[in-house]
Amino acid sequence: MIIRGANHTCEEFEECLEGIAGVRLGGAVALGYVPSGGEGEELLILGERSRGTRSADDPALIAQIRAAVIERTGVRPHAVHILEPGTLPRTSSGKLRRAETLRRFLCGELAPPARVPRAALAC
């Protein structure tokens, strides 16, 4: 992605989130996108919350993510969103699908998977 004239990799930003309590390990993506009314590509961070984390809209967790990215890269994320576990689309081998994530985010279709009642799992 190109942000303010500099090339960056998604991994460069995603690595900043490793070890942050409240963010699911391996459950974050960094994406470049042009926000509505924007003039250039901006940084979007989407991270799944860890199980046991109180809520997905924790302002302290969002601030901690922003600070970690700024400290390590010098780039301020335009938007940071905390998602429910399992929300980010993955391949059958478990790799994150960044392009599909961005498409769903922009279309307002990024949602956690439907919960299956325990009774439905019994055979």
C-alpha atoms as a PDB file:
ATOM      1  CA  MET A   1       0.000   0.000   0.000  1.00  0.00           C
ATOM      2  CA  ILE A   2       1.133   3.554  -0.595  1.00  0.00           C
ATOM      3  CA  ILE A   3       0.441   5.970   2.264  1.00  0.00           C
ATOM      4  CA  ARG A   4       1.561   9.584   1.966  1.00  0.00           C
ATOM      5  CA  GLY A   5       3.931   8.658  -0.843  1.00  0.00           C
ATOM      6  CA  ALA A   6       5.678   5.776   0.950  1.00  0.00           C
ATOM      7  CA  ASN A   7       5.333   2.066   0.167  1.00  0.00           C
ATOM      8  CA  HIS A   8       4.362  -0.185   3.067  1.00  0.00           C
ATOM      9  CA  THR A   9       3.520  -3.858   3.424  1.00  0.00           C
ATOM     10  CA  CYS A  10       0.480  -5.072   5.320  1.00  0.00           C
ATOM     11  CA  GLU A  11       2.705  -7.242   7.500  1.00  0.00           C
ATOM     12  CA  GLU A  12       4.665  -4.171   8.624  1.00  0.00           C
ATOM     13  CA  PHE A  13       1.555  -2.869  10.391  1.00  0.00           C
ATOM     14  CA  GLU A  14       0.139  -6.233  11.460  1.00  0.00           C
ATOM     15  CA  GLU A  15       3.347  -7.115  13.323  1.00  0.00           C
ATOM     16  CA  CYS A  16       2.806  -4.038  15.513  1.00  0.00           C
ATOM     17  CA  LEU A  17      -0.266  -5.711  17.020  1.00  0.00           C
ATOM     18  CA  GLU A  18       1.461  -8.907  18.138  1.00  0.00           C
ATOM     19  CA  GLY A  19       1.466  -9.111  21.894  1.00  0.00           C
ATOM     20  CA  ILE A  20      -1.231  -6.503  22.500  1.00  0.00           C
ATOM     21  CA  ALA A  21      -3.558  -7.925  25.137  1.00  0.00           C
ATOM     22  CA  GLY A  22      -7.081  -7.943  23.812  1.00  0.00           C
ATOM     23  CA  VAL A  23      -6.159  -8.580  20.150  1.00  0.00           C
ATOM     24  CA  ARG A  24      -6.462 -12.151  18.940  1.00  0.00           C
ATOM     25  CA  LEU A  25      -3.084 -13.597  17.922  1.00  0.00           C
ATOM     26  CA  GLY A  26      -2.973 -13.768  14.113  1.00  0.00           C
ATOM     27  CA  GLY A  27      -6.363 -12.086  13.917  1.00  0.00           C
ATOM     28  CA  ALA A  28      -5.562  -8.655  12.521  1.00  0.00           C
ATOM     29  CA  VAL A  29      -5.252  -7.164   9.062  1.00  0.00           C
ATOM     30  CA  ALA A  30      -3.866  -3.878   7.848  1.00  0.00           C
ATOM     31  CA  LEU A  31      -5.376  -2.582   4.645  1.00  0.00           C
ATOM     32  CA  GLY A  32      -4.965   0.424   2.428  1.00  0.00           C
ATOM     33  CA  TYR A  33      -8.207   2.070   1.367  1.00  0.00           C
ATOM     34  CA  VAL A  34      -9.515   5.414   0.195  1.00  0.00           C
ATOM     35  CA  PRO A  35     -12.117   6.587   2.725  1.00  0.00           C
ATOM     36  CA  SER A  36     -15.277   8.265   1.544  1.00  0.00           C
ATOM     37  CA  GLY A  37     -14.375  11.823   0.566  1.00  0.00           C
ATOM     38  CA  GLY A  38     -10.667  11.021   0.895  1.00  0.00           C
ATOM     39  CA  GLU A  39      -8.011  12.033  -1.565  1.00  0.00           C
ATOM     40  CA  GLY A  40      -5.521   9.211  -1.062  1.00  0.00           C
ATOM     41  CA  GLU A  41      -4.942   5.823   0.407  1.00  0.00           C
ATOM     42  CA  GLU A  42      -5.185   5.593   4.198  1.00  0.00           C
ATOM     43  CA  LEU A  43      -4.428   2.872   6.729  1.00  0.00           C
ATOM     44  CA  LEU A  44      -7.274   0.735   8.041  1.00  0.00           C
ATOM     45  CA  ILE A  45      -6.636  -1.709  10.905  1.00  0.00           C
ATOM     46  CA  LEU A  46      -9.148  -4.478  11.595  1.00  0.00           C
ATOM     47  CA  GLY A  47      -8.444  -6.731  14.555  1.00  0.00           C
ATOM     48  CA  GLU A  48     -10.424  -9.478  16.176  1.00  0.00           C
ATOM     49  CA  ARG A  49     -10.729  -9.209  19.933  1.00  0.00           C
ATOM     50  CA  SER A  50      -9.397 -12.014  22.086  1.00  0.00           C
ATOM     51  CA  ARG A  51     -11.905 -14.255  23.756  1.00  0.00           C
ATOM     52  CA  GLY A  52     -12.431 -12.924  27.250  1.00  0.00           C
ATOM     53  CA  THR A  53     -11.936  -9.297  26.201  1.00  0.00           C
ATOM     54  CA  ARG A  54     -14.885  -7.279  27.468  1.00  0.00           C
ATOM     55  CA  SER A  55     -16.134  -5.553  24.325  1.00  0.00           C
ATOM     56  CA  ALA A  56     -15.255  -4.841  20.736  1.00  0.00           C
ATOM     57  CA  ASP A  57     -15.621  -1.067  21.151  1.00  0.00           C
ATOM     58  CA  ASP A  58     -13.070  -0.636  23.950  1.00  0.00           C
ATOM     59  CA  PRO A  59     -11.568   2.861  23.410  1.00  0.00           C
ATOM     60  CA  ALA A  60      -8.480   1.991  25.478  1.00  0.00           C
ATOM     61  CA  LEU A  61      -7.703  -0.995  23.225  1.00  0.00           C
ATOM     62  CA  ILE A  62      -8.189   1.106  20.093  1.00  0.00           C
ATOM     63  CA  ALA A  63      -5.868   3.792  21.506  1.00  0.00           C
ATOM     64  CA  GLN A  64      -3.272   1.142  22.367  1.00  0.00           C
ATOM     65  CA  ILE A  65      -3.380  -0.213  18.797  1.00  0.00           C
ATOM     66  CA  ARG A  66      -3.003   3.276  17.320  1.00  0.00           C
ATOM     67  CA  ALA A  67      -0.062   4.044  19.617  1.00  0.00           C
ATOM     68  CA  ALA A  68       1.717   0.766  18.761  1.00  0.00           C
ATOM     69  CA  VAL A  69       1.395   1.374  15.012  1.00  0.00           C
ATOM     70  CA  ILE A  70       2.543   4.990  15.263  1.00  0.00           C
ATOM     71  CA  GLU A  71       5.490   4.087  17.512  1.00  0.00           C
ATOM     72  CA  ARG A  72       6.805   1.348  15.223  1.00  0.00           C
ATOM     73  CA  THR A  73       5.986   2.768  11.784  1.00  0.00           C
ATOM     74  CA  GLY A  74       5.371   6.496  12.157  1.00  0.00           C
ATOM     75  CA  VAL A  75       2.026   6.087  10.366  1.00  0.00           C
ATOM     76  CA  ARG A  76      -1.218   7.009  12.106  1.00  0.00           C
ATOM     77  CA  PRO A  77      -4.069   4.645  11.231  1.00  0.00           C
ATOM     78  CA  HIS A  78      -7.053   6.437   9.722  1.00  0.00           C
ATOM     79  CA  ALA A  79      -9.435   3.892  11.271  1.00  0.00           C
ATOM     80  CA  VAL A  80      -9.145   1.049  13.786  1.00  0.00           C
ATOM     81  CA  HIS A  81     -11.996  -1.399  14.309  1.00  0.00           C
ATOM     82  CA  ILE A  82     -12.162  -4.243  16.811  1.00  0.00           C
ATOM     83  CA  LEU A  83     -14.176  -7.212  15.571  1.00  0.00           C
ATOM     84  CA  GLU A  84     -15.706 -10.279  17.141  1.00  0.00           C
ATOM     85  CA  PRO A  85     -13.588 -13.465  16.962  1.00  0.00           C
ATOM     86  CA  GLY A  86     -14.041 -15.309  13.657  1.00  0.00           C
ATOM     87  CA  THR A  87     -15.121 -12.238  11.691  1.00  0.00           C
ATOM     88  CA  LEU A  88     -12.118 -11.981   9.370  1.00  0.00           C
ATOM     89  CA  PRO A  89     -12.465 -14.220   6.296  1.00  0.00           C
ATOM     90  CA  ARG A  90      -9.813 -16.909   5.936  1.00  0.00           C
ATOM     91  CA  THR A  91      -8.774 -19.495   3.390  1.00  0.00           C
ATOM     92  CA  SER A  92      -9.327 -23.205   4.042  1.00  0.00           C
ATOM     93  CA  SER A  93      -5.749 -23.334   5.370  1.00  0.00           C
ATOM     94  CA  GLY A  94      -6.401 -20.454   7.809  1.00  0.00           C
ATOM     95  CA  LYS A  95      -4.659 -17.592   6.001  1.00  0.00           C
ATOM     96  CA  LEU A  96      -6.321 -14.189   6.186  1.00  0.00           C
ATOM     97  CA  ARG A  97      -8.055 -13.067   2.981  1.00  0.00           C
ATOM     98  CA  ARG A  98      -7.201  -9.359   2.871  1.00  0.00           C
ATOM     99  CA  ALA A  99      -8.911  -8.496  -0.422  1.00  0.00           C
ATOM    100  CA  GLU A 100     -12.119 -10.236   0.662  1.00  0.00           C
ATOM    101  CA  THR A 101     -11.925  -8.513   4.055  1.00  0.00           C
ATOM    102  CA  LEU A 102     -11.673  -5.093   2.415  1.00  0.00           C
ATOM    103  CA  ARG A 103     -14.523  -5.874   0.006  1.00  0.00           C
ATOM    104  CA  ARG A 104     -16.805  -6.941   2.848  1.00  0.00           C
ATOM    105  CA  PHE A 105     -15.807  -3.952   4.990  1.00  0.00           C
ATOM    106  CA  LEU A 106     -16.547  -1.459   2.213  1.00  0.00           C
ATOM    107  CA  CYS A 107     -19.886  -3.140   1.453  1.00  0.00           C
ATOM    108  CA  GLY A 108     -20.886  -3.255   5.126  1.00  0.00           C
ATOM    109  CA  GLU A 109     -20.923  -7.062   5.024  1.00  0.00           C
ATOM    110  CA  LEU A 110     -18.120  -7.806   7.491  1.00  0.00           C
ATOM    111  CA  ALA A 111     -19.869  -9.732  10.259  1.00  0.00           C
ATOM    112  CA  PRO A 112     -19.032 -12.569  12.642  1.00  0.00           C
ATOM    113  CA  PRO A 113     -20.130 -16.053  11.646  1.00  0.00           C
ATOM    114  CA  ALA A 114     -23.560 -17.192  12.745  1.00  0.00           C
ATOM    115  CA  ARG A 115     -23.584 -19.090  16.008  1.00  0.00           C
ATOM    116  CA  VAL A 116     -24.662 -22.705  15.812  1.00  0.00           C
ATOM    117  CA  PRO A 117     -26.743 -23.893  18.774  1.00  0.00           C
ATOM    118  CA  ARG A 118     -25.148 -26.770  20.696  1.00  0.00           C
ATOM    119  CA  ALA A 119     -28.225 -28.952  20.128  1.00  0.00           C
ATOM    120  CA  ALA A 120     -27.711 -28.658  16.369  1.00  0.00           C
ATOM    121  CA  LEU A 121     -24.235 -30.169  16.716  1.00  0.00           C
ATOM    122  CA  ALA A 122     -25.456 -33.392  18.353  1.00  0.00           C
ATOM    123  CA  CYS A 123     -26.008 -36.394  16.092  1.00  0.00           C
END
